[in-house]
Amino acid sequence: MGVSTDPAVWLQETAIVRLVSIIEAYVDAVSMHRMDNLVDSRKSLVSLLVQDFELASSGSWQDRHDAYHDYHGLSLRSLGGWGDIKAGVEVRNCLLHGLGNLTAKQRGQTKLAASVKSIGVTIGSNRMHLSAATVPKVAAGCDLFVKNLDAKINLTT
C-alpha cells in the first residue's frame, strides 16, 4: 500500500492526524492540570496534616511520647534527664491545675511521692513542698534531656 495521490484521502489522513494530536494534547493538558491541582491540594493536605500532627502531638506528655515514638522512632522516656522532667511536670500540674493542691489524678498515683522526691519535693497535706534543691535539679534534668535529645535527632538537615 503506497502513498495515495488522491487529495480527498490526504484531507482525511490529515484530519485524523490532527484530531488524534489534538486529543493527545488535550489529554496531556488535562492530566497536567489535574496533577497541578492535586499537588496544590496535597500541599494544602500536607499543611493540614502537619497542623493536625502538631495539635495531636503537643496536647500532653503522653501525646509527645507517642508522636516521638511513632514519627521519629525515639523514646523520650529513655533519654537522660527524663525522670527529673517528669517530676517537674508533676509539680507544675499541682501548681497550675490543682492551684497548689494535688490534682484528683495525682491523688490517685501511688508512686507520685517517690517520683517527686528525686527533685527534692515532699508531699504533705495534699500539697507538694519544694526544697532549695528542686529548681536546680529540674534545671539540670532539662539540660541533660536537651543534650540527649540533640544527640539523637539531627536538626541541621
N, C-alpha and C. Protein backbone atom coordinates (compact mmCIF):
# COMPACT_ATOMS: atom_id res chain seq x y z
N MET A 1 0.85 -1.16 0.00
CA MET A 1 0.00 0.00 0.00
C MET A 1 0.90 1.23 0.00
N GLY A 2 0.85 2.04 -0.98
CA GLY A 2 1.69 3.21 -1.13
C GLY A 2 0.96 4.46 -0.70
N VAL A 3 1.60 5.58 -0.92
CA VAL A 3 1.04 6.88 -0.61
C VAL A 3 -0.04 7.19 -1.63
N SER A 4 -1.16 7.66 -1.11
CA SER A 4 -2.28 7.99 -2.01
C SER A 4 -1.96 9.28 -2.76
N THR A 5 -2.46 9.32 -3.96
CA THR A 5 -2.35 10.54 -4.76
C THR A 5 -3.66 11.29 -4.80
N ASP A 6 -4.65 10.79 -4.08
CA ASP A 6 -5.98 11.41 -4.08
C ASP A 6 -6.03 12.49 -3.00
N PRO A 7 -6.29 13.76 -3.38
CA PRO A 7 -6.37 14.83 -2.40
C PRO A 7 -7.45 14.61 -1.36
N ALA A 8 -8.50 13.94 -1.67
CA ALA A 8 -9.57 13.69 -0.69
C ALA A 8 -9.04 12.78 0.42
N VAL A 9 -8.22 11.81 0.06
CA VAL A 9 -7.62 10.91 1.05
C VAL A 9 -6.65 11.71 1.91
N TRP A 10 -5.88 12.63 1.31
CA TRP A 10 -4.95 13.44 2.08
C TRP A 10 -5.69 14.24 3.16
N LEU A 11 -6.83 14.80 2.77
CA LEU A 11 -7.62 15.57 3.75
C LEU A 11 -8.08 14.67 4.90
N GLN A 12 -8.52 13.46 4.56
CA GLN A 12 -8.97 12.54 5.61
C GLN A 12 -7.81 12.17 6.55
N GLU A 13 -6.66 11.83 5.92
CA GLU A 13 -5.49 11.44 6.72
C GLU A 13 -5.02 12.60 7.60
N THR A 14 -4.99 13.78 7.03
CA THR A 14 -4.59 14.96 7.78
C THR A 14 -5.55 15.23 8.93
N ALA A 15 -6.84 15.07 8.66
CA ALA A 15 -7.84 15.30 9.71
C ALA A 15 -7.66 14.31 10.86
N ILE A 16 -7.41 13.05 10.51
CA ILE A 16 -7.20 12.02 11.55
C ILE A 16 -5.96 12.37 12.37
N VAL A 17 -4.85 12.71 11.69
CA VAL A 17 -3.61 13.06 12.40
C VAL A 17 -3.85 14.24 13.32
N ARG A 18 -4.52 15.24 12.82
CA ARG A 18 -4.77 16.44 13.64
C ARG A 18 -5.70 16.12 14.80
N LEU A 19 -6.79 15.38 14.53
CA LEU A 19 -7.72 15.05 15.61
C LEU A 19 -7.03 14.25 16.72
N VAL A 20 -6.25 13.26 16.31
CA VAL A 20 -5.56 12.44 17.31
C VAL A 20 -4.54 13.30 18.07
N SER A 21 -3.83 14.15 17.36
CA SER A 21 -2.85 15.03 18.01
C SER A 21 -3.53 15.98 18.99
N ILE A 22 -4.67 16.52 18.58
CA ILE A 22 -5.42 17.42 19.46
C ILE A 22 -5.88 16.66 20.71
N ILE A 23 -6.41 15.45 20.52
CA ILE A 23 -6.87 14.65 21.66
C ILE A 23 -5.70 14.32 22.58
N GLU A 24 -4.55 13.92 22.00
CA GLU A 24 -3.38 13.63 22.82
C GLU A 24 -2.95 14.87 23.62
N ALA A 25 -2.90 16.02 22.94
CA ALA A 25 -2.51 17.26 23.62
C ALA A 25 -3.51 17.62 24.71
N TYR A 26 -4.80 17.42 24.40
CA TYR A 26 -5.82 17.74 25.39
C TYR A 26 -5.73 16.81 26.60
N VAL A 27 -5.60 15.52 26.34
CA VAL A 27 -5.49 14.56 27.45
C VAL A 27 -4.26 14.87 28.29
N ASP A 28 -3.14 15.20 27.66
CA ASP A 28 -1.93 15.57 28.40
C ASP A 28 -2.15 16.84 29.22
N ALA A 29 -2.82 17.83 28.62
CA ALA A 29 -3.08 19.09 29.32
C ALA A 29 -3.99 18.88 30.52
N VAL A 30 -5.03 18.06 30.34
CA VAL A 30 -5.94 17.78 31.46
C VAL A 30 -5.18 17.04 32.56
N SER A 31 -4.35 16.10 32.16
CA SER A 31 -3.57 15.35 33.14
C SER A 31 -2.67 16.29 33.94
N MET A 32 -1.99 17.20 33.26
CA MET A 32 -1.11 18.14 33.95
C MET A 32 -1.91 19.10 34.84
N HIS A 33 -3.05 19.53 34.34
CA HIS A 33 -3.90 20.42 35.14
C HIS A 33 -4.34 19.72 36.42
N ARG A 34 -4.78 18.48 36.27
CA ARG A 34 -5.19 17.72 37.46
C ARG A 34 -4.02 17.48 38.39
N MET A 35 -2.85 17.21 37.81
CA MET A 35 -1.67 16.99 38.64
C MET A 35 -1.31 18.27 39.40
N ASP A 36 -1.37 19.40 38.70
CA ASP A 36 -1.10 20.68 39.37
C ASP A 36 -2.08 20.90 40.52
N ASN A 37 -3.35 20.62 40.26
CA ASN A 37 -4.35 20.78 41.33
C ASN A 37 -4.13 19.77 42.45
N LEU A 38 -3.75 18.56 42.06
CA LEU A 38 -3.50 17.53 43.07
C LEU A 38 -2.32 17.92 43.94
N VAL A 39 -1.27 18.42 43.31
CA VAL A 39 -0.10 18.84 44.08
C VAL A 39 -0.47 20.01 44.98
N ASP A 40 -1.21 20.98 44.45
CA ASP A 40 -1.65 22.10 45.29
C ASP A 40 -2.53 21.58 46.43
N SER A 41 -3.43 20.66 46.10
CA SER A 41 -4.28 20.08 47.13
C SER A 41 -3.45 19.33 48.15
N ARG A 42 -2.46 18.62 47.66
CA ARG A 42 -1.62 17.88 48.60
C ARG A 42 -0.82 18.82 49.47
N LYS A 43 -0.39 19.93 48.88
CA LYS A 43 0.30 20.90 49.72
C LYS A 43 -0.63 21.35 50.83
N SER A 44 -1.87 21.63 50.46
CA SER A 44 -2.84 22.01 51.48
C SER A 44 -3.10 20.86 52.43
N LEU A 45 -3.22 19.67 51.86
CA LEU A 45 -3.45 18.49 52.68
C LEU A 45 -2.27 18.26 53.61
N VAL A 46 -1.07 18.41 53.08
CA VAL A 46 0.12 18.25 53.91
C VAL A 46 0.13 19.29 55.02
N SER A 47 -0.23 20.52 54.68
CA SER A 47 -0.29 21.57 55.70
C SER A 47 -1.30 21.20 56.78
N LEU A 48 -2.45 20.69 56.35
CA LEU A 48 -3.46 20.28 57.33
C LEU A 48 -2.98 19.11 58.18
N LEU A 49 -2.29 18.17 57.53
CA LEU A 49 -1.76 17.03 58.27
C LEU A 49 -0.72 17.48 59.29
N VAL A 50 0.12 18.43 58.88
CA VAL A 50 1.13 18.94 59.81
C VAL A 50 0.45 19.67 60.97
N GLN A 51 -0.60 20.44 60.67
CA GLN A 51 -1.33 21.12 61.74
C GLN A 51 -1.95 20.10 62.69
N ASP A 52 -2.58 19.07 62.11
CA ASP A 52 -3.17 18.02 62.95
C ASP A 52 -2.10 17.33 63.79
N PHE A 53 -0.96 17.04 63.15
CA PHE A 53 0.14 16.41 63.87
C PHE A 53 0.59 17.29 65.03
N GLU A 54 0.76 18.57 64.75
CA GLU A 54 1.23 19.49 65.79
C GLU A 54 0.26 19.54 66.96
N LEU A 55 -1.03 19.62 66.64
CA LEU A 55 -2.03 19.66 67.71
C LEU A 55 -2.08 18.34 68.47
N ALA A 56 -2.05 17.25 67.71
CA ALA A 56 -2.19 15.94 68.34
C ALA A 56 -0.94 15.54 69.12
N SER A 57 0.20 16.09 68.75
CA SER A 57 1.43 15.66 69.41
C SER A 57 1.88 16.59 70.52
N SER A 58 1.09 17.59 70.81
CA SER A 58 1.53 18.53 71.85
C SER A 58 0.48 18.74 72.94
N GLY A 59 -0.54 17.91 72.97
CA GLY A 59 -1.59 18.08 73.97
C GLY A 59 -1.19 17.64 75.36
N SER A 60 -0.36 16.63 75.44
CA SER A 60 0.08 16.11 76.73
C SER A 60 1.44 15.44 76.54
N TRP A 61 2.07 15.11 77.64
CA TRP A 61 3.34 14.40 77.51
C TRP A 61 3.14 13.03 76.89
N GLN A 62 2.03 12.39 77.19
CA GLN A 62 1.76 11.10 76.55
C GLN A 62 1.66 11.27 75.05
N ASP A 63 1.00 12.34 74.61
CA ASP A 63 0.93 12.63 73.17
C ASP A 63 2.32 12.85 72.59
N ARG A 64 3.16 13.56 73.31
CA ARG A 64 4.52 13.80 72.83
C ARG A 64 5.30 12.49 72.74
N HIS A 65 5.18 11.67 73.76
CA HIS A 65 5.86 10.37 73.73
C HIS A 65 5.39 9.56 72.53
N ASP A 66 4.08 9.51 72.34
CA ASP A 66 3.53 8.75 71.22
C ASP A 66 4.03 9.29 69.89
N ALA A 67 4.04 10.60 69.73
CA ALA A 67 4.49 11.20 68.47
C ALA A 67 5.96 10.91 68.22
N TYR A 68 6.79 11.05 69.23
CA TYR A 68 8.21 10.77 69.04
C TYR A 68 8.43 9.30 68.71
N HIS A 69 7.70 8.44 69.37
CA HIS A 69 7.83 7.01 69.10
C HIS A 69 7.36 6.69 67.68
N ASP A 70 6.18 7.18 67.32
CA ASP A 70 5.58 6.83 66.03
C ASP A 70 6.24 7.51 64.84
N TYR A 71 6.61 8.76 64.98
CA TYR A 71 7.11 9.53 63.84
C TYR A 71 8.62 9.68 63.80
N HIS A 72 9.27 9.58 64.95
CA HIS A 72 10.72 9.79 64.98
C HIS A 72 11.49 8.55 65.43
N GLY A 73 10.75 7.52 65.83
CA GLY A 73 11.41 6.29 66.27
C GLY A 73 12.27 6.47 67.51
N LEU A 74 11.82 7.33 68.41
CA LEU A 74 12.62 7.66 69.58
C LEU A 74 11.74 7.65 70.83
N SER A 75 12.26 7.05 71.88
CA SER A 75 11.56 7.05 73.16
C SER A 75 12.08 8.20 74.01
N LEU A 76 11.23 9.17 74.27
CA LEU A 76 11.64 10.29 75.12
C LEU A 76 11.97 9.81 76.53
N ARG A 77 11.26 8.80 76.99
CA ARG A 77 11.47 8.29 78.35
C ARG A 77 12.85 7.66 78.54
N SER A 78 13.49 7.30 77.43
CA SER A 78 14.81 6.67 77.53
C SER A 78 15.94 7.69 77.62
N LEU A 79 15.63 8.96 77.44
CA LEU A 79 16.67 9.98 77.44
C LEU A 79 17.04 10.39 78.86
N GLY A 80 18.32 10.65 79.06
CA GLY A 80 18.79 11.14 80.35
C GLY A 80 18.08 12.43 80.72
N GLY A 81 17.76 12.57 81.98
CA GLY A 81 17.08 13.77 82.45
C GLY A 81 15.57 13.65 82.46
N TRP A 82 15.03 12.61 81.81
CA TRP A 82 13.57 12.49 81.73
C TRP A 82 12.93 12.37 83.12
N GLY A 83 13.54 11.63 84.02
CA GLY A 83 12.95 11.45 85.35
C GLY A 83 12.75 12.78 86.07
N ASP A 84 13.74 13.66 85.96
CA ASP A 84 13.63 14.98 86.59
C ASP A 84 12.56 15.83 85.90
N ILE A 85 12.47 15.71 84.59
CA ILE A 85 11.44 16.46 83.86
C ILE A 85 10.06 15.95 84.25
N LYS A 86 9.91 14.64 84.29
CA LYS A 86 8.61 14.06 84.65
C LYS A 86 8.19 14.54 86.04
N ALA A 87 9.13 14.54 86.96
CA ALA A 87 8.83 15.03 88.31
C ALA A 87 8.47 16.51 88.27
N GLY A 88 9.20 17.28 87.48
CA GLY A 88 8.90 18.70 87.33
C GLY A 88 7.52 18.94 86.73
N VAL A 89 7.12 18.08 85.81
CA VAL A 89 5.78 18.19 85.22
C VAL A 89 4.72 17.95 86.29
N GLU A 90 4.97 17.00 87.17
CA GLU A 90 4.01 16.74 88.25
C GLU A 90 3.88 17.95 89.17
N VAL A 91 5.01 18.58 89.47
CA VAL A 91 4.96 19.79 90.31
C VAL A 91 4.20 20.89 89.58
N ARG A 92 4.51 21.09 88.33
CA ARG A 92 3.81 22.11 87.54
C ARG A 92 2.31 21.84 87.51
N ASN A 93 1.92 20.59 87.31
CA ASN A 93 0.49 20.25 87.28
C ASN A 93 -0.18 20.54 88.62
N CYS A 94 0.51 20.24 89.69
CA CYS A 94 -0.03 20.53 91.02
C CYS A 94 -0.23 22.04 91.19
N LEU A 95 0.77 22.80 90.78
CA LEU A 95 0.71 24.25 90.94
C LEU A 95 -0.35 24.90 90.06
N LEU A 96 -0.42 24.49 88.81
CA LEU A 96 -1.33 25.15 87.87
C LEU A 96 -2.72 24.54 87.83
N HIS A 97 -2.78 23.23 87.73
CA HIS A 97 -4.09 22.58 87.60
C HIS A 97 -4.77 22.36 88.95
N GLY A 98 -3.96 22.17 89.97
CA GLY A 98 -4.53 21.97 91.31
C GLY A 98 -4.48 23.21 92.17
N LEU A 99 -4.01 24.31 91.59
CA LEU A 99 -3.87 25.58 92.32
C LEU A 99 -3.09 25.39 93.62
N GLY A 100 -2.04 24.57 93.52
CA GLY A 100 -1.17 24.32 94.67
C GLY A 100 -1.49 23.04 95.41
N ASN A 101 -2.67 22.50 95.17
CA ASN A 101 -3.07 21.23 95.78
C ASN A 101 -2.86 20.11 94.76
N LEU A 102 -2.72 18.89 95.27
CA LEU A 102 -2.64 17.75 94.36
C LEU A 102 -3.92 17.69 93.54
N THR A 103 -3.78 17.36 92.28
CA THR A 103 -4.96 17.20 91.43
C THR A 103 -5.62 15.86 91.77
N ALA A 104 -6.83 15.69 91.31
CA ALA A 104 -7.53 14.42 91.54
C ALA A 104 -6.72 13.26 90.96
N LYS A 105 -6.15 13.47 89.80
CA LYS A 105 -5.34 12.43 89.17
C LYS A 105 -4.11 12.13 90.02
N GLN A 106 -3.46 13.15 90.53
CA GLN A 106 -2.27 12.96 91.34
C GLN A 106 -2.58 12.25 92.65
N ARG A 107 -3.72 12.55 93.23
CA ARG A 107 -4.09 11.90 94.50
C ARG A 107 -4.21 10.39 94.33
N GLY A 108 -4.48 9.94 93.12
CA GLY A 108 -4.62 8.51 92.87
C GLY A 108 -3.32 7.82 92.46
N GLN A 109 -2.24 8.57 92.35
CA GLN A 109 -0.96 7.99 91.92
C GLN A 109 -0.16 7.51 93.13
N THR A 110 0.03 6.21 93.20
CA THR A 110 0.73 5.64 94.35
C THR A 110 2.23 5.90 94.34
N LYS A 111 2.81 6.14 93.18
CA LYS A 111 4.26 6.35 93.08
C LYS A 111 4.65 7.82 92.97
N LEU A 112 3.69 8.71 93.15
CA LEU A 112 3.96 10.14 92.98
C LEU A 112 5.01 10.66 93.96
N ALA A 113 4.89 10.30 95.23
CA ALA A 113 5.83 10.81 96.24
C ALA A 113 7.26 10.39 95.91
N ALA A 114 7.44 9.16 95.48
CA ALA A 114 8.78 8.68 95.12
C ALA A 114 9.30 9.41 93.88
N SER A 115 8.42 9.68 92.95
CA SER A 115 8.81 10.37 91.72
C SER A 115 9.32 11.78 91.99
N VAL A 116 8.60 12.54 92.78
CA VAL A 116 8.98 13.93 93.02
C VAL A 116 10.08 14.06 94.08
N LYS A 117 10.29 13.01 94.87
CA LYS A 117 11.36 13.02 95.87
C LYS A 117 12.72 13.20 95.19
N SER A 118 12.84 12.68 93.96
CA SER A 118 14.11 12.76 93.23
C SER A 118 14.53 14.20 92.93
N ILE A 119 13.59 15.13 92.98
CA ILE A 119 13.93 16.54 92.75
C ILE A 119 13.75 17.36 94.04
N GLY A 120 13.76 16.68 95.16
CA GLY A 120 13.70 17.38 96.45
C GLY A 120 12.33 17.87 96.84
N VAL A 121 11.29 17.20 96.38
CA VAL A 121 9.91 17.60 96.71
C VAL A 121 9.30 16.55 97.63
N THR A 122 8.59 17.01 98.64
CA THR A 122 7.84 16.12 99.51
C THR A 122 6.36 16.45 99.38
N ILE A 123 5.54 15.47 99.75
CA ILE A 123 4.09 15.65 99.68
C ILE A 123 3.53 15.56 101.09
N GLY A 124 2.70 16.52 101.42
CA GLY A 124 2.04 16.52 102.72
C GLY A 124 0.86 17.47 102.70
N SER A 125 -0.18 17.11 103.42
CA SER A 125 -1.40 17.94 103.50
C SER A 125 -1.94 18.27 102.11
N ASN A 126 -1.91 17.27 101.23
CA ASN A 126 -2.47 17.41 99.88
C ASN A 126 -1.72 18.43 99.01
N ARG A 127 -0.47 18.73 99.40
CA ARG A 127 0.33 19.72 98.65
C ARG A 127 1.73 19.16 98.39
N MET A 128 2.40 19.76 97.41
CA MET A 128 3.80 19.45 97.16
C MET A 128 4.63 20.56 97.79
N HIS A 129 5.67 20.14 98.50
CA HIS A 129 6.55 21.09 99.17
C HIS A 129 7.93 21.02 98.51
N LEU A 130 8.32 22.12 97.89
CA LEU A 130 9.58 22.18 97.18
C LEU A 130 10.71 22.51 98.15
N SER A 131 11.91 22.08 97.79
CA SER A 131 13.09 22.40 98.58
C SER A 131 14.01 23.31 97.76
N ALA A 132 15.08 23.76 98.40
CA ALA A 132 16.05 24.60 97.69
C ALA A 132 16.70 23.85 96.53
N ALA A 133 16.67 22.53 96.58
CA ALA A 133 17.30 21.73 95.53
C ALA A 133 16.39 21.50 94.33
N THR A 134 15.10 21.77 94.46
CA THR A 134 14.14 21.42 93.42
C THR A 134 14.46 22.09 92.08
N VAL A 135 14.55 23.40 92.06
CA VAL A 135 14.77 24.10 90.79
C VAL A 135 16.10 23.71 90.15
N PRO A 136 17.21 23.69 90.89
CA PRO A 136 18.46 23.27 90.26
C PRO A 136 18.41 21.84 89.72
N LYS A 137 17.72 20.95 90.42
CA LYS A 137 17.62 19.56 89.93
C LYS A 137 16.80 19.48 88.65
N VAL A 138 15.68 20.20 88.61
CA VAL A 138 14.87 20.19 87.38
C VAL A 138 15.65 20.86 86.25
N ALA A 139 16.34 21.95 86.55
CA ALA A 139 17.15 22.63 85.52
C ALA A 139 18.23 21.71 84.97
N ALA A 140 18.89 20.99 85.85
CA ALA A 140 19.93 20.05 85.41
C ALA A 140 19.32 18.93 84.58
N GLY A 141 18.15 18.45 84.99
CA GLY A 141 17.46 17.42 84.21
C GLY A 141 17.08 17.91 82.83
N CYS A 142 16.61 19.14 82.76
CA CYS A 142 16.26 19.74 81.47
C CYS A 142 17.48 19.86 80.57
N ASP A 143 18.58 20.32 81.15
CA ASP A 143 19.83 20.47 80.40
C ASP A 143 20.28 19.12 79.85
N LEU A 144 20.29 18.12 80.69
CA LEU A 144 20.70 16.78 80.27
C LEU A 144 19.75 16.23 79.21
N PHE A 145 18.47 16.42 79.41
CA PHE A 145 17.47 15.93 78.46
C PHE A 145 17.66 16.57 77.09
N VAL A 146 17.83 17.89 77.06
CA VAL A 146 18.01 18.59 75.78
C VAL A 146 19.28 18.10 75.09
N LYS A 147 20.35 17.95 75.83
CA LYS A 147 21.60 17.46 75.24
C LYS A 147 21.42 16.05 74.68
N ASN A 148 20.70 15.20 75.40
CA ASN A 148 20.45 13.84 74.92
C ASN A 148 19.56 13.85 73.68
N LEU A 149 18.54 14.69 73.69
CA LEU A 149 17.65 14.78 72.54
C LEU A 149 18.40 15.31 71.32
N ASP A 150 19.20 16.35 71.53
CA ASP A 150 20.00 16.89 70.43
C ASP A 150 20.94 15.85 69.84
N ALA A 151 21.49 15.01 70.70
CA ALA A 151 22.40 13.97 70.23
C ALA A 151 21.67 12.90 69.41
N LYS A 152 20.39 12.70 69.70
CA LYS A 152 19.61 11.68 68.99
C LYS A 152 19.01 12.18 67.69
N ILE A 153 18.65 13.45 67.65
CA ILE A 153 17.96 14.00 66.47
C ILE A 153 18.83 15.08 65.86
N ASN A 154 19.10 14.92 64.57
CA ASN A 154 19.90 15.91 63.85
C ASN A 154 18.98 16.96 63.26
N LEU A 155 19.01 18.17 63.78
CA LEU A 155 18.13 19.23 63.32
C LEU A 155 18.74 20.07 62.21
N THR A 156 19.94 19.73 61.75
CA THR A 156 20.59 20.54 60.72
C THR A 156 20.14 20.19 59.32
N THR A 157 19.45 19.07 59.15
CA THR A 157 19.01 18.70 57.80
C THR A 157 17.59 19.11 57.56
